[in-house]
């Protein structure tokens, strides 16, 4: 997902319309639905499959493509070279935004030693229109204090804006943005003026390395073969859930809060994934970083400055 939702009218595709209505209805109260079965993998696959009716009337049967008149900040796809002890990341984005349409596009490459991966943060960016809907990202912390963010997004063309119906009927391509925290966080706190929550995750360095490699593999998959973005089955949060469950099957169960990722932070809390103890409301308040991001926007140690909460616990996730 992105951070803003624009309405758009359409007809047809009743199953998807019902699902969209369900999401918007649940967003008002966000009821909870968790499915636990002995055959979890089969159950989860069947559940997601039910959300994928034929939407070719909307897309014209078009296959996803890397060819397009892309927005400049979404034009360059990242990719990586994976070696036994390190990963060479290409096209890490580090844009400087003045407005949504006025920005300097910058990219760089970096060698990441797997042994230098230290921490993991889960970033939640609720929509202004409904805080039950949100964009989610992962941020990997390195030994030198730098952080690399992975963000699955709808790849927009020039003049295109994210809207409900196109996102639900696969009219966008999927892109994994790999970028700096200064880029991906300040775009949201400064330019889009939306709330940003940064939650430290309870992981070991080994678990962080495995998830990083899985995310890198996913980035390379998209670079090699384009996919459609899908509001229900191939979005920011489902991509994260799939990565986690790929490494630890069933770690994140079927839950309506995956479809309503504005509540995904509470789901992470309920699953014991957050590295801060205490009542959830207090944790959420402590992890809102808008004020700090604005105060330290130009700081050399930006990533350290926006982390006032307790340091992540290097203990195995429960």
C-alpha atoms as a PDB file:
ATOM      1  CA  UNK A   1       0.000   0.000   0.000  1.00  0.00           C
ATOM      2  CA  UNK A   2       0.925   3.645  -0.134  1.00  0.00           C
ATOM      3  CA  UNK A   3      -0.059   6.163   2.537  1.00  0.00           C
ATOM      4  CA  UNK A   4      -3.082   7.732   0.875  1.00  0.00           C
ATOM      5  CA  UNK A   5      -6.261   6.295  -0.531  1.00  0.00           C
ATOM      6  CA  UNK A   6      -8.218   8.026  -3.271  1.00  0.00           C
ATOM      7  CA  UNK A   7     -11.796   6.962  -4.105  1.00  0.00           C
ATOM      8  CA  UNK A   8     -12.667   5.727  -7.559  1.00  0.00           C
ATOM      9  CA  UNK A   9     -15.950   4.463  -8.979  1.00  0.00           C
ATOM     10  CA  UNK A  10     -16.472   1.231 -10.872  1.00  0.00           C
ATOM     11  CA  UNK A  11     -18.981  -1.559 -11.458  1.00  0.00           C
ATOM     12  CA  UNK A  12     -18.731  -5.336 -11.675  1.00  0.00           C
ATOM     13  CA  UNK A  13     -16.386  -7.783  -9.983  1.00  0.00           C
ATOM     14  CA  UNK A  14     -18.871  -8.346  -7.135  1.00  0.00           C
ATOM     15  CA  UNK A  15     -16.544 -10.497  -5.073  1.00  0.00           C
ATOM     16  CA  UNK A  16     -13.883  -7.821  -4.923  1.00  0.00           C
ATOM     17  CA  UNK A  17     -16.465  -5.115  -4.289  1.00  0.00           C
ATOM     18  CA  UNK A  18     -17.735  -7.090  -1.316  1.00  0.00           C
ATOM     19  CA  UNK A  19     -14.200  -7.509  -0.041  1.00  0.00           C
ATOM     20  CA  UNK A  20     -13.542  -3.796  -0.380  1.00  0.00           C
ATOM     21  CA  UNK A  21     -16.754  -3.088   1.494  1.00  0.00           C
ATOM     22  CA  UNK A  22     -15.693  -5.574   4.152  1.00  0.00           C
ATOM     23  CA  UNK A  23     -12.335  -3.861   4.590  1.00  0.00           C
ATOM     24  CA  UNK A  24     -13.890  -0.425   4.883  1.00  0.00           C
ATOM     25  CA  UNK A  25     -16.581  -1.671   7.271  1.00  0.00           C
ATOM     26  CA  UNK A  26     -14.110  -3.504   9.479  1.00  0.00           C
ATOM     27  CA  UNK A  27     -11.831  -0.478   9.452  1.00  0.00           C
ATOM     28  CA  UNK A  28     -14.383   1.356  11.556  1.00  0.00           C
ATOM     29  CA  UNK A  29     -14.180  -1.171  14.372  1.00  0.00           C
ATOM     30  CA  UNK A  30     -11.575  -3.668  13.193  1.00  0.00           C
ATOM     31  CA  UNK A  31     -13.047  -6.898  14.468  1.00  0.00           C
ATOM     32  CA  UNK A  32     -10.605  -9.716  15.022  1.00  0.00           C
ATOM     33  CA  UNK A  33     -10.557 -12.975  13.139  1.00  0.00           C
ATOM     34  CA  UNK A  34      -7.839 -15.545  13.686  1.00  0.00           C
ATOM     35  CA  UNK A  35      -7.854 -18.956  12.044  1.00  0.00           C
ATOM     36  CA  UNK A  36      -5.732 -21.737  13.522  1.00  0.00           C
ATOM     37  CA  UNK A  37      -5.884 -25.194  11.991  1.00  0.00           C
ATOM     38  CA  UNK A  38      -3.666 -28.253  12.006  1.00  0.00           C
ATOM     39  CA  UNK A  39      -3.073 -27.874   8.293  1.00  0.00           C
ATOM     40  CA  UNK A  40      -2.188 -24.200   8.533  1.00  0.00           C
ATOM     41  CA  UNK A  41      -0.401 -23.904   5.190  1.00  0.00           C
ATOM     42  CA  UNK A  42      -3.297 -25.416   3.228  1.00  0.00           C
ATOM     43  CA  UNK A  43      -5.815 -23.298   5.097  1.00  0.00           C
ATOM     44  CA  UNK A  44      -3.874 -20.113   4.448  1.00  0.00           C
ATOM     45  CA  UNK A  45      -3.430 -20.899   0.758  1.00  0.00           C
ATOM     46  CA  UNK A  46      -7.149 -21.574   0.342  1.00  0.00           C
ATOM     47  CA  UNK A  47      -8.037 -18.363   2.178  1.00  0.00           C
ATOM     48  CA  UNK A  48      -5.850 -16.199  -0.067  1.00  0.00           C
ATOM     49  CA  UNK A  49      -7.025 -18.047  -3.176  1.00  0.00           C
ATOM     50  CA  UNK A  50     -10.604 -17.103  -2.355  1.00  0.00           C
ATOM     51  CA  UNK A  51      -9.609 -13.466  -2.687  1.00  0.00           C
ATOM     52  CA  UNK A  52      -8.371 -13.859  -6.250  1.00  0.00           C
ATOM     53  CA  UNK A  53     -11.339 -13.917  -8.654  1.00  0.00           C
ATOM     54  CA  UNK A  54     -10.819 -13.209 -12.332  1.00  0.00           C
ATOM     55  CA  UNK A  55     -10.239  -9.476 -12.775  1.00  0.00           C
ATOM     56  CA  UNK A  56      -9.263  -9.539 -16.435  1.00  0.00           C
ATOM     57  CA  UNK A  57     -12.274  -7.365 -17.389  1.00  0.00           C
ATOM     58  CA  UNK A  58     -10.515  -4.549 -15.495  1.00  0.00           C
ATOM     59  CA  UNK A  59      -6.948  -5.169 -16.662  1.00  0.00           C
ATOM     60  CA  UNK A  60      -7.804  -6.169 -20.210  1.00  0.00           C
ATOM     61  CA  UNK A  61      -5.896  -9.369 -19.576  1.00  0.00           C
ATOM     62  CA  UNK A  62      -2.649  -7.405 -19.582  1.00  0.00           C
ATOM     63  CA  UNK A  63       0.381  -9.074 -18.102  1.00  0.00           C
ATOM     64  CA  UNK A  64       2.473  -7.112 -15.598  1.00  0.00           C
ATOM     65  CA  UNK A  65       5.386  -5.273 -17.179  1.00  0.00           C
ATOM     66  CA  UNK A  66       8.490  -3.342 -16.206  1.00  0.00           C
ATOM     67  CA  UNK A  67       7.854  -1.055 -19.171  1.00  0.00           C
ATOM     68  CA  UNK A  68       6.017   2.121 -18.259  1.00  0.00           C
ATOM     69  CA  UNK A  69       6.207   5.867 -17.933  1.00  0.00           C
ATOM     70  CA  UNK A  70       7.107   5.524 -14.253  1.00  0.00           C
ATOM     71  CA  UNK A  71       7.356   8.277 -11.688  1.00  0.00           C
ATOM     72  CA  UNK A  72      11.053   9.208 -11.433  1.00  0.00           C
ATOM     73  CA  UNK A  73      11.281   7.992  -7.826  1.00  0.00           C
ATOM     74  CA  UNK A  74       9.801   4.614  -8.847  1.00  0.00           C
ATOM     75  CA  UNK A  75      11.638   4.246 -12.142  1.00  0.00           C
ATOM     76  CA  UNK A  76      14.769   2.399 -11.021  1.00  0.00           C
ATOM     77  CA  UNK A  77      14.348  -1.145  -9.724  1.00  0.00           C
ATOM     78  CA  UNK A  78      16.699  -2.357  -6.989  1.00  0.00           C
ATOM     79  CA  UNK A  79      18.473  -5.681  -7.254  1.00  0.00           C
ATOM     80  CA  UNK A  80      21.198  -7.515  -5.383  1.00  0.00           C
ATOM     81  CA  UNK A  81      24.186  -9.797  -5.818  1.00  0.00           C
ATOM     82  CA  UNK A  82      24.210 -12.419  -3.083  1.00  0.00           C
ATOM     83  CA  UNK A  83      27.531 -13.841  -1.932  1.00  0.00           C
ATOM     84  CA  UNK A  84      28.232 -16.272   0.929  1.00  0.00           C
ATOM     85  CA  UNK A  85      29.040 -13.603   3.523  1.00  0.00           C
ATOM     86  CA  UNK A  86      27.704 -10.410   1.998  1.00  0.00           C
ATOM     87  CA  UNK A  87      25.109  -8.864  -0.276  1.00  0.00           C
ATOM     88  CA  UNK A  88      25.792  -6.117  -2.805  1.00  0.00           C
ATOM     89  CA  UNK A  89      22.655  -3.973  -2.978  1.00  0.00           C
ATOM     90  CA  UNK A  90      22.194  -1.916  -6.124  1.00  0.00           C
ATOM     91  CA  UNK A  91      19.958   1.142  -6.521  1.00  0.00           C
ATOM     92  CA  UNK A  92      19.264   1.953  -2.882  1.00  0.00           C
ATOM     93  CA  UNK A  93      16.995   4.998  -3.053  1.00  0.00           C
ATOM     94  CA  UNK A  94      17.883   8.186  -1.202  1.00  0.00           C
ATOM     95  CA  UNK A  95      15.571  10.846  -2.641  1.00  0.00           C
ATOM     96  CA  UNK A  96      15.310  14.350  -1.221  1.00  0.00           C
ATOM     97  CA  UNK A  97      11.678  15.503  -1.306  1.00  0.00           C
ATOM     98  CA  UNK A  98      10.510  19.112  -1.192  1.00  0.00           C
ATOM     99  CA  UNK A  99       6.956  18.231  -2.266  1.00  0.00           C
ATOM    100  CA  UNK A 100       5.259  15.115  -3.627  1.00  0.00           C
ATOM    101  CA  UNK A 101       6.151  16.202  -7.164  1.00  0.00           C
ATOM    102  CA  UNK A 102       9.348  18.190  -6.560  1.00  0.00           C
ATOM    103  CA  UNK A 103      12.266  16.029  -5.505  1.00  0.00           C
ATOM    104  CA  UNK A 104      15.807  14.989  -6.346  1.00  0.00           C
ATOM    105  CA  UNK A 105      16.226  11.334  -7.279  1.00  0.00           C
ATOM    106  CA  UNK A 106      19.361   9.699  -5.930  1.00  0.00           C
ATOM    107  CA  UNK A 107      20.494   6.091  -5.765  1.00  0.00           C
ATOM    108  CA  UNK A 108      23.611   4.372  -4.523  1.00  0.00           C
ATOM    109  CA  UNK A 109      25.038   0.878  -4.104  1.00  0.00           C
ATOM    110  CA  UNK A 110      26.203  -0.679  -0.860  1.00  0.00           C
ATOM    111  CA  UNK A 111      27.923  -3.824   0.311  1.00  0.00           C
ATOM    112  CA  UNK A 112      26.135  -5.310   3.330  1.00  0.00           C
ATOM    113  CA  UNK A 113      28.053  -7.861   5.351  1.00  0.00           C
ATOM    114  CA  UNK A 114      25.582 -10.325   6.836  1.00  0.00           C
ATOM    115  CA  UNK A 115      27.504 -10.291  10.107  1.00  0.00           C
ATOM    116  CA  UNK A 116      26.824  -6.542  10.364  1.00  0.00           C
ATOM    117  CA  UNK A 117      23.036  -6.945  10.458  1.00  0.00           C
ATOM    118  CA  UNK A 118      21.938  -6.129  13.995  1.00  0.00           C
ATOM    119  CA  UNK A 119      18.310  -5.058  14.369  1.00  0.00           C
ATOM    120  CA  UNK A 120      14.903  -5.128  12.728  1.00  0.00           C
ATOM    121  CA  UNK A 121      12.117  -2.545  12.921  1.00  0.00           C
ATOM    122  CA  UNK A 122       8.521  -2.735  11.704  1.00  0.00           C
ATOM    123  CA  UNK A 123       7.223   0.572  10.339  1.00  0.00           C
ATOM    124  CA  UNK A 124       3.479   1.282  10.186  1.00  0.00           C
ATOM    125  CA  UNK A 125       2.084   4.324   8.363  1.00  0.00           C
ATOM    126  CA  UNK A 126      -1.719   4.608   8.848  1.00  0.00           C
ATOM    127  CA  UNK A 127      -3.852   6.231   6.171  1.00  0.00           C
ATOM    128  CA  UNK A 128      -5.387   9.572   7.045  1.00  0.00           C
ATOM    129  CA  UNK A 129      -8.712   8.383   5.644  1.00  0.00           C
ATOM    130  CA  UNK A 130      -8.876   5.372   7.965  1.00  0.00           C
ATOM    131  CA  UNK A 131      -6.274   4.357  10.508  1.00  0.00           C
ATOM    132  CA  UNK A 132      -7.234   0.709  10.035  1.00  0.00           C
ATOM    133  CA  UNK A 133      -5.538   0.865   6.637  1.00  0.00           C
ATOM    134  CA  UNK A 134      -1.809   1.482   6.441  1.00  0.00           C
ATOM    135  CA  UNK A 135       1.444   1.075   4.593  1.00  0.00           C
ATOM    136  CA  UNK A 136       4.030  -1.144   6.276  1.00  0.00           C
ATOM    137  CA  UNK A 137       7.800  -1.496   5.838  1.00  0.00           C
ATOM    138  CA  UNK A 138      10.804  -3.298   7.311  1.00  0.00           C
ATOM    139  CA  UNK A 139      13.993  -1.520   8.386  1.00  0.00           C
ATOM    140  CA  UNK A 140      17.231  -3.444   8.917  1.00  0.00           C
ATOM    141  CA  UNK A 141      19.825  -1.907  11.238  1.00  0.00           C
ATOM    142  CA  UNK A 142      23.547  -2.312  10.568  1.00  0.00           C
ATOM    143  CA  UNK A 143      26.570  -2.251  12.846  1.00  0.00           C
ATOM    144  CA  UNK A 144      27.553   1.251  11.661  1.00  0.00           C
ATOM    145  CA  UNK A 145      24.178   2.691  12.695  1.00  0.00           C
ATOM    146  CA  UNK A 146      22.787   2.933   9.171  1.00  0.00           C
ATOM    147  CA  UNK A 147      19.429   1.394   8.274  1.00  0.00           C
ATOM    148  CA  UNK A 148      18.087  -0.037   5.020  1.00  0.00           C
ATOM    149  CA  UNK A 149      14.330  -0.030   4.452  1.00  0.00           C
ATOM    150  CA  UNK A 150      12.390  -2.528   2.316  1.00  0.00           C
ATOM    151  CA  UNK A 151       8.988  -1.305   1.137  1.00  0.00           C
ATOM    152  CA  UNK A 152       6.626  -3.202  -1.193  1.00  0.00           C
ATOM    153  CA  UNK A 153       4.561  -0.621  -3.069  1.00  0.00           C
ATOM    154  CA  UNK A 154       2.335  -0.014  -6.058  1.00  0.00           C
ATOM    155  CA  UNK A 155       4.592   1.206  -8.865  1.00  0.00           C
ATOM    156  CA  UNK A 156       2.901   4.338 -10.159  1.00  0.00           C
ATOM    157  CA  UNK A 157       3.294   5.985 -13.538  1.00  0.00           C
ATOM    158  CA  UNK A 158       3.600   9.724 -14.124  1.00  0.00           C
ATOM    159  CA  UNK A 159       0.373  11.470 -13.100  1.00  0.00           C
ATOM    160  CA  UNK A 160      -1.026   8.305 -11.513  1.00  0.00           C
ATOM    161  CA  UNK A 161      -2.268   8.233  -7.926  1.00  0.00           C
ATOM    162  CA  UNK A 162      -2.956   5.302  -5.651  1.00  0.00           C
ATOM    163  CA  UNK A 163      -6.685   4.505  -5.470  1.00  0.00           C
ATOM    164  CA  UNK A 164      -8.829   1.717  -4.060  1.00  0.00           C
ATOM    165  CA  UNK A 165     -10.298   0.169  -7.202  1.00  0.00           C
ATOM    166  CA  UNK A 166      -7.122  -0.041  -9.326  1.00  0.00           C
ATOM    167  CA  UNK A 167      -5.231  -1.455  -6.356  1.00  0.00           C
ATOM    168  CA  UNK A 168      -7.905  -4.128  -5.850  1.00  0.00           C
ATOM    169  CA  UNK A 169      -8.096  -5.088  -9.533  1.00  0.00           C
ATOM    170  CA  UNK A 170      -4.404  -5.391 -10.333  1.00  0.00           C
ATOM    171  CA  UNK A 171      -4.043  -2.290 -12.439  1.00  0.00           C
ATOM    172  CA  UNK A 172      -0.692  -1.442 -10.841  1.00  0.00           C
ATOM    173  CA  UNK A 173       2.616  -3.243 -10.937  1.00  0.00           C
ATOM    174  CA  UNK A 174       4.378  -4.215  -7.716  1.00  0.00           C
ATOM    175  CA  UNK A 175       7.714  -2.667  -6.777  1.00  0.00           C
ATOM    176  CA  UNK A 176       9.995  -3.285  -3.837  1.00  0.00           C
ATOM    177  CA  UNK A 177      11.655  -0.002  -2.921  1.00  0.00           C
ATOM    178  CA  UNK A 178      14.955  -0.412  -1.079  1.00  0.00           C
ATOM    179  CA  UNK A 179      15.928   2.896   0.456  1.00  0.00           C
ATOM    180  CA  UNK A 180      17.271   4.940   3.328  1.00  0.00           C
ATOM    181  CA  UNK A 181      15.196   5.826   6.362  1.00  0.00           C
ATOM    182  CA  UNK A 182      15.768   9.509   5.620  1.00  0.00           C
ATOM    183  CA  UNK A 183      14.052   9.058   2.246  1.00  0.00           C
ATOM    184  CA  UNK A 184      11.200   6.714   3.128  1.00  0.00           C
ATOM    185  CA  UNK A 185      10.361   8.198   6.527  1.00  0.00           C
ATOM    186  CA  UNK A 186      10.725  11.916   5.755  1.00  0.00           C
ATOM    187  CA  UNK A 187       8.601  11.484   2.621  1.00  0.00           C
ATOM    188  CA  UNK A 188       5.795  10.505   4.954  1.00  0.00           C
ATOM    189  CA  UNK A 189       6.368  12.726   7.998  1.00  0.00           C
ATOM    190  CA  UNK A 190       7.263  15.884   6.060  1.00  0.00           C
ATOM    191  CA  UNK A 191       5.664  15.726   2.614  1.00  0.00           C
ATOM    192  CA  UNK A 192       2.563  13.577   3.120  1.00  0.00           C
ATOM    193  CA  UNK A 193       2.106  14.598   6.762  1.00  0.00           C
ATOM    194  CA  UNK A 194       0.984  11.167   7.931  1.00  0.00           C
ATOM    195  CA  UNK A 195       1.736   9.416  11.209  1.00  0.00           C
ATOM    196  CA  UNK A 196       4.695   7.038  11.275  1.00  0.00           C
ATOM    197  CA  UNK A 197       5.231   4.355  13.933  1.00  0.00           C
ATOM    198  CA  UNK A 198       8.562   2.546  14.247  1.00  0.00           C
ATOM    199  CA  UNK A 199       8.491  -0.649  16.322  1.00  0.00           C
ATOM    200  CA  UNK A 200      11.649  -2.574  17.274  1.00  0.00           C
ATOM    201  CA  UNK A 201      11.169  -6.297  16.698  1.00  0.00           C
ATOM    202  CA  UNK A 202      12.337  -9.062  19.026  1.00  0.00           C
ATOM    203  CA  UNK A 203      14.807 -11.012  16.877  1.00  0.00           C
ATOM    204  CA  UNK A 204      18.256 -12.528  17.080  1.00  0.00           C
ATOM    205  CA  UNK A 205      20.998 -11.394  14.666  1.00  0.00           C
ATOM    206  CA  UNK A 206      20.692 -14.768  12.930  1.00  0.00           C
ATOM    207  CA  UNK A 207      16.950 -14.279  12.407  1.00  0.00           C
ATOM    208  CA  UNK A 208      17.606 -10.769  11.098  1.00  0.00           C
ATOM    209  CA  UNK A 209      20.107 -12.131   8.587  1.00  0.00           C
ATOM    210  CA  UNK A 210      17.698 -14.801   7.365  1.00  0.00           C
ATOM    211  CA  UNK A 211      14.871 -12.312   6.908  1.00  0.00           C
ATOM    212  CA  UNK A 212      17.190  -9.872   5.144  1.00  0.00           C
ATOM    213  CA  UNK A 213      18.245 -12.578   2.682  1.00  0.00           C
ATOM    214  CA  UNK A 214      14.600 -13.525   2.095  1.00  0.00           C
ATOM    215  CA  UNK A 215      13.742  -9.878   1.402  1.00  0.00           C
ATOM    216  CA  UNK A 216      16.692  -9.575  -0.984  1.00  0.00           C
ATOM    217  CA  UNK A 217      15.550 -12.704  -2.802  1.00  0.00           C
ATOM    218  CA  UNK A 218      12.076 -11.181  -3.165  1.00  0.00           C
ATOM    219  CA  UNK A 219      13.582  -7.965  -4.548  1.00  0.00           C
ATOM    220  CA  UNK A 220      15.450  -9.990  -7.160  1.00  0.00           C
ATOM    221  CA  UNK A 221      12.299 -11.940  -8.049  1.00  0.00           C
ATOM    222  CA  UNK A 222      10.484  -8.716  -8.862  1.00  0.00           C
ATOM    223  CA  UNK A 223      13.458  -7.347 -10.818  1.00  0.00           C
ATOM    224  CA  UNK A 224      13.538 -10.508 -12.929  1.00  0.00           C
ATOM    225  CA  UNK A 225       9.810 -11.024 -13.344  1.00  0.00           C
ATOM    226  CA  UNK A 226       7.184  -8.288 -12.875  1.00  0.00           C
ATOM    227  CA  UNK A 227       4.054  -8.889 -10.820  1.00  0.00           C
ATOM    228  CA  UNK A 228       0.772  -7.073 -10.345  1.00  0.00           C
ATOM    229  CA  UNK A 229       0.228  -5.257  -7.076  1.00  0.00           C
ATOM    230  CA  UNK A 230      -2.907  -6.559  -5.367  1.00  0.00           C
ATOM    231  CA  UNK A 231      -4.643  -4.804  -2.485  1.00  0.00           C
ATOM    232  CA  UNK A 232      -5.645  -8.125  -0.916  1.00  0.00           C
ATOM    233  CA  UNK A 233      -2.957 -10.661  -1.774  1.00  0.00           C
ATOM    234  CA  UNK A 234       0.212  -8.918  -2.986  1.00  0.00           C
ATOM    235  CA  UNK A 235       0.640  -5.729  -1.011  1.00  0.00           C
ATOM    236  CA  UNK A 236       3.099  -4.298   1.495  1.00  0.00           C
ATOM    237  CA  UNK A 237       1.876  -6.319   4.474  1.00  0.00           C
ATOM    238  CA  UNK A 238       1.155  -9.643   2.774  1.00  0.00           C
ATOM    239  CA  UNK A 239       4.675  -9.581   1.361  1.00  0.00           C
ATOM    240  CA  UNK A 240       6.116  -9.147   4.856  1.00  0.00           C
ATOM    241  CA  UNK A 241       3.853 -11.869   6.272  1.00  0.00           C
ATOM    242  CA  UNK A 242       4.850 -14.239   3.480  1.00  0.00           C
ATOM    243  CA  UNK A 243       8.550 -13.639   4.161  1.00  0.00           C
ATOM    244  CA  UNK A 244       8.143 -14.330   7.873  1.00  0.00           C
ATOM    245  CA  UNK A 245       6.032 -17.437   7.341  1.00  0.00           C
ATOM    246  CA  UNK A 246       8.442 -18.672   4.679  1.00  0.00           C
ATOM    247  CA  UNK A 247      11.139 -18.774   7.368  1.00  0.00           C
ATOM    248  CA  UNK A 248       8.873 -19.811  10.266  1.00  0.00           C
ATOM    249  CA  UNK A 249       5.714 -21.491   8.918  1.00  0.00           C
ATOM    250  CA  UNK A 250       2.588 -20.379  10.765  1.00  0.00           C
ATOM    251  CA  UNK A 251       4.429 -17.671  12.724  1.00  0.00           C
ATOM    252  CA  UNK A 252       1.835 -15.106  11.641  1.00  0.00           C
ATOM    253  CA  UNK A 253      -1.608 -16.785  11.520  1.00  0.00           C
ATOM    254  CA  UNK A 254      -4.567 -15.859   9.368  1.00  0.00           C
ATOM    255  CA  UNK A 255      -5.938 -12.675  10.848  1.00  0.00           C
ATOM    256  CA  UNK A 256      -8.112  -9.842   9.578  1.00  0.00           C
ATOM    257  CA  UNK A 257      -5.387  -7.458  10.715  1.00  0.00           C
ATOM    258  CA  UNK A 258      -3.301  -8.589   7.754  1.00  0.00           C
ATOM    259  CA  UNK A 259      -6.059  -7.236   5.498  1.00  0.00           C
ATOM    260  CA  UNK A 260      -6.307  -4.162   7.736  1.00  0.00           C
ATOM    261  CA  UNK A 261      -2.619  -3.420   8.294  1.00  0.00           C
ATOM    262  CA  UNK A 262      -3.342  -0.321  10.337  1.00  0.00           C
ATOM    263  CA  UNK A 263      -3.931  -2.894  13.083  1.00  0.00           C
ATOM    264  CA  UNK A 264      -0.892  -4.998  12.210  1.00  0.00           C
ATOM    265  CA  UNK A 265       1.138  -3.410  15.007  1.00  0.00           C
ATOM    266  CA  UNK A 266      -1.376  -4.739  17.521  1.00  0.00           C
ATOM    267  CA  UNK A 267      -1.145  -8.146  15.842  1.00  0.00           C
ATOM    268  CA  UNK A 268       2.645  -8.055  16.228  1.00  0.00           C
ATOM    269  CA  UNK A 269       2.183  -7.131  19.892  1.00  0.00           C
ATOM    270  CA  UNK A 270      -0.288  -9.970  20.480  1.00  0.00           C
ATOM    271  CA  UNK A 271       2.138 -12.424  18.872  1.00  0.00           C
ATOM    272  CA  UNK A 272       4.975 -11.299  21.140  1.00  0.00           C
ATOM    273  CA  UNK A 273       7.041  -9.869  18.288  1.00  0.00           C
ATOM    274  CA  UNK A 274       7.637  -6.372  19.668  1.00  0.00           C
ATOM    275  CA  UNK A 275      10.858  -5.792  21.610  1.00  0.00           C
ATOM    276  CA  UNK A 276       9.283  -3.384  24.092  1.00  0.00           C
ATOM    277  CA  UNK A 277       7.275  -4.524  27.106  1.00  0.00           C
ATOM    278  CA  UNK A 278       4.253  -2.761  28.551  1.00  0.00           C
ATOM    279  CA  UNK A 279       0.662  -1.878  27.622  1.00  0.00           C
ATOM    280  CA  UNK A 280       0.184  -1.615  23.874  1.00  0.00           C
ATOM    281  CA  UNK A 281      -1.206   1.932  23.960  1.00  0.00           C
ATOM    282  CA  UNK A 282       1.909   3.153  25.774  1.00  0.00           C
ATOM    283  CA  UNK A 283       4.189   1.335  23.349  1.00  0.00           C
ATOM    284  CA  UNK A 284       2.375   2.806  20.356  1.00  0.00           C
ATOM    285  CA  UNK A 285       2.647   6.328  21.742  1.00  0.00           C
ATOM    286  CA  UNK A 286       6.370   5.856  22.387  1.00  0.00           C
ATOM    287  CA  UNK A 287       6.955   4.530  18.875  1.00  0.00           C
ATOM    288  CA  UNK A 288       5.360   7.445  17.020  1.00  0.00           C
ATOM    289  CA  UNK A 289       8.341   9.249  15.503  1.00  0.00           C
ATOM    290  CA  UNK A 290       6.866  12.247  13.638  1.00  0.00           C
ATOM    291  CA  UNK A 291       8.106  14.902  16.056  1.00  0.00           C
ATOM    292  CA  UNK A 292      11.596  13.432  16.254  1.00  0.00           C
ATOM    293  CA  UNK A 293      11.789  12.958  12.485  1.00  0.00           C
ATOM    294  CA  UNK A 294      10.952  16.610  11.897  1.00  0.00           C
ATOM    295  CA  UNK A 295      13.305  17.807  14.636  1.00  0.00           C
ATOM    296  CA  UNK A 296      16.257  15.750  13.385  1.00  0.00           C
ATOM    297  CA  UNK A 297      15.564  15.769   9.637  1.00  0.00           C
ATOM    298  CA  UNK A 298      19.029  17.119   8.834  1.00  0.00           C
ATOM    299  CA  UNK A 299      20.927  15.234  11.522  1.00  0.00           C
ATOM    300  CA  UNK A 300      23.844  13.075  10.444  1.00  0.00           C
ATOM    301  CA  UNK A 301      22.644  10.422  12.902  1.00  0.00           C
ATOM    302  CA  UNK A 302      19.005  10.626  11.764  1.00  0.00           C
ATOM    303  CA  UNK A 303      18.257   6.938  12.344  1.00  0.00           C
ATOM    304  CA  UNK A 304      19.605   7.020  15.901  1.00  0.00           C
ATOM    305  CA  UNK A 305      17.804  10.278  16.672  1.00  0.00           C
ATOM    306  CA  UNK A 306      14.349   8.928  15.789  1.00  0.00           C
ATOM    307  CA  UNK A 307      14.705   5.947  18.158  1.00  0.00           C
ATOM    308  CA  UNK A 308      14.006   7.174  21.690  1.00  0.00           C
ATOM    309  CA  UNK A 309      12.415   3.938  22.905  1.00  0.00           C
ATOM    310  CA  UNK A 310      14.071   0.961  24.533  1.00  0.00           C
ATOM    311  CA  UNK A 311      16.719  -0.818  22.521  1.00  0.00           C
ATOM    312  CA  UNK A 312      15.538  -4.011  20.804  1.00  0.00           C
ATOM    313  CA  UNK A 313      16.027  -7.164  22.847  1.00  0.00           C
ATOM    314  CA  UNK A 314      18.422  -9.586  21.199  1.00  0.00           C
ATOM    315  CA  UNK A 315      16.323 -12.496  22.361  1.00  0.00           C
ATOM    316  CA  UNK A 316      14.523 -15.138  20.309  1.00  0.00           C
ATOM    317  CA  UNK A 317      10.980 -14.218  19.314  1.00  0.00           C
ATOM    318  CA  UNK A 318       8.325 -16.073  21.231  1.00  0.00           C
END
